[in-house]
Amino acid sequence: MDCPSDLWSYSTAEISLTAEGSESADEALALLTPELGRPAGDPEVEFETPDRVVYLFGDAEGSRLGRVVVIRMPNGWFMVTTEGCAP
């Protein structure tokens, strides 16, 4: 990350074991709001496999501001890790 201050991280892996997930990785990402820890900036796919998508958030200057990892479980797609620059 290109953080001018501290980096924060949050994991929701335990939730994905019992909840119903989203139909796609993009739908799971769309549920993440700034109030729930969505990093600043616009997301792009940084890495993708059939069961995992890593979204990288950046600004217009090309600084990397955050990352969200979404995985596919038997019960749908879930955000499992969110990290970003501290405000």
Protein backbone atom coordinates (compact mmCIF):
# COMPACT_ATOMS: atom_id res chain seq x y z
CA MET A 1 0.00 0.00 0.00
CA ASP A 2 1.02 3.59 -0.48
CA CYS A 3 -0.25 4.67 2.92
CA PRO A 4 0.90 8.03 4.26
CA SER A 5 0.01 6.75 7.74
CA ASP A 6 -0.91 3.41 9.30
CA LEU A 7 -2.33 0.37 7.49
CA TRP A 8 -5.40 -1.34 8.99
CA SER A 9 -6.78 -4.81 8.29
CA TYR A 10 -10.03 -6.63 9.11
CA SER A 11 -11.00 -10.26 8.55
CA THR A 12 -14.48 -11.79 8.33
CA ALA A 13 -13.44 -15.37 7.56
CA GLU A 14 -15.50 -16.89 10.38
CA ILE A 15 -18.75 -15.39 9.02
CA SER A 16 -18.42 -17.26 5.71
CA LEU A 17 -18.83 -20.62 7.44
CA THR A 18 -22.52 -20.16 8.32
CA ALA A 19 -23.95 -17.27 6.27
CA GLU A 20 -25.38 -17.23 2.76
CA GLY A 21 -22.99 -15.64 0.31
CA SER A 22 -23.36 -13.50 -2.80
CA GLU A 23 -23.82 -14.85 -6.33
CA SER A 24 -20.54 -13.33 -7.56
CA ALA A 25 -17.36 -11.71 -6.27
CA ASP A 26 -18.52 -8.34 -7.61
CA GLU A 27 -21.81 -8.65 -5.71
CA ALA A 28 -19.95 -9.47 -2.50
CA LEU A 29 -17.71 -6.43 -2.99
CA ALA A 30 -20.75 -4.21 -3.64
CA LEU A 31 -21.99 -4.98 -0.10
CA LEU A 32 -18.92 -3.33 1.40
CA THR A 33 -19.63 0.31 2.25
CA PRO A 34 -17.22 2.90 3.66
CA GLU A 35 -18.95 2.47 7.04
CA LEU A 36 -18.10 -1.24 6.93
CA GLY A 37 -14.47 -0.67 5.94
CA ARG A 38 -14.51 -0.21 2.15
CA PRO A 39 -11.13 1.33 1.24
CA ALA A 40 -11.01 4.71 -0.45
CA GLY A 41 -10.55 4.81 -4.20
CA ASP A 42 -11.78 2.82 -7.17
CA PRO A 43 -11.41 -1.01 -7.27
CA GLU A 44 -9.59 -3.00 -9.96
CA VAL A 45 -8.97 -6.74 -10.03
CA GLU A 46 -5.39 -7.31 -8.89
CA PHE A 47 -5.52 -11.13 -8.90
CA GLU A 48 -8.18 -13.67 -9.83
CA THR A 49 -8.72 -17.42 -9.72
CA PRO A 50 -12.03 -19.32 -9.98
CA ASP A 51 -12.35 -19.24 -6.16
CA ARG A 52 -10.59 -16.00 -5.16
CA VAL A 53 -10.58 -12.38 -6.32
CA VAL A 54 -8.31 -9.68 -4.91
CA TYR A 55 -9.51 -6.14 -5.54
CA LEU A 56 -7.00 -3.30 -5.34
CA PHE A 57 -8.29 0.21 -4.59
CA GLY A 58 -6.41 3.22 -5.87
CA ASP A 59 -6.71 6.91 -6.58
CA ALA A 60 -6.33 8.97 -9.75
CA GLU A 61 -2.60 9.46 -9.06
CA GLY A 62 -2.01 5.69 -9.03
CA SER A 63 -1.49 5.35 -5.27
CA ARG A 64 -2.63 2.02 -3.84
CA LEU A 65 -5.04 2.76 -0.98
CA GLY A 66 -6.55 -0.59 -0.03
CA ARG A 67 -7.21 -4.22 -0.88
CA VAL A 68 -10.21 -6.54 -0.46
CA VAL A 69 -10.03 -10.33 -0.78
CA VAL A 70 -13.23 -12.14 -1.81
CA ILE A 71 -13.44 -15.95 -1.87
CA ARG A 72 -15.98 -18.48 -3.08
CA MET A 73 -17.24 -20.93 -0.49
CA PRO A 74 -19.85 -23.68 -1.03
CA ASN A 75 -22.52 -21.22 0.15
CA GLY A 76 -21.48 -18.24 -2.03
CA TRP A 77 -18.93 -15.43 -2.34
CA PHE A 78 -17.65 -13.63 0.79
CA MET A 79 -15.28 -10.79 1.62
CA VAL A 80 -12.71 -12.32 3.95
CA THR A 81 -10.06 -9.64 4.31
CA THR A 82 -10.17 -5.88 3.98
CA GLU A 83 -7.14 -3.65 4.40
CA GLY A 84 -6.52 -0.02 3.74
CA CYS A 85 -4.77 3.16 4.70
CA ALA A 86 -5.80 4.72 7.99
CA PRO A 87 -7.69 8.01 7.62
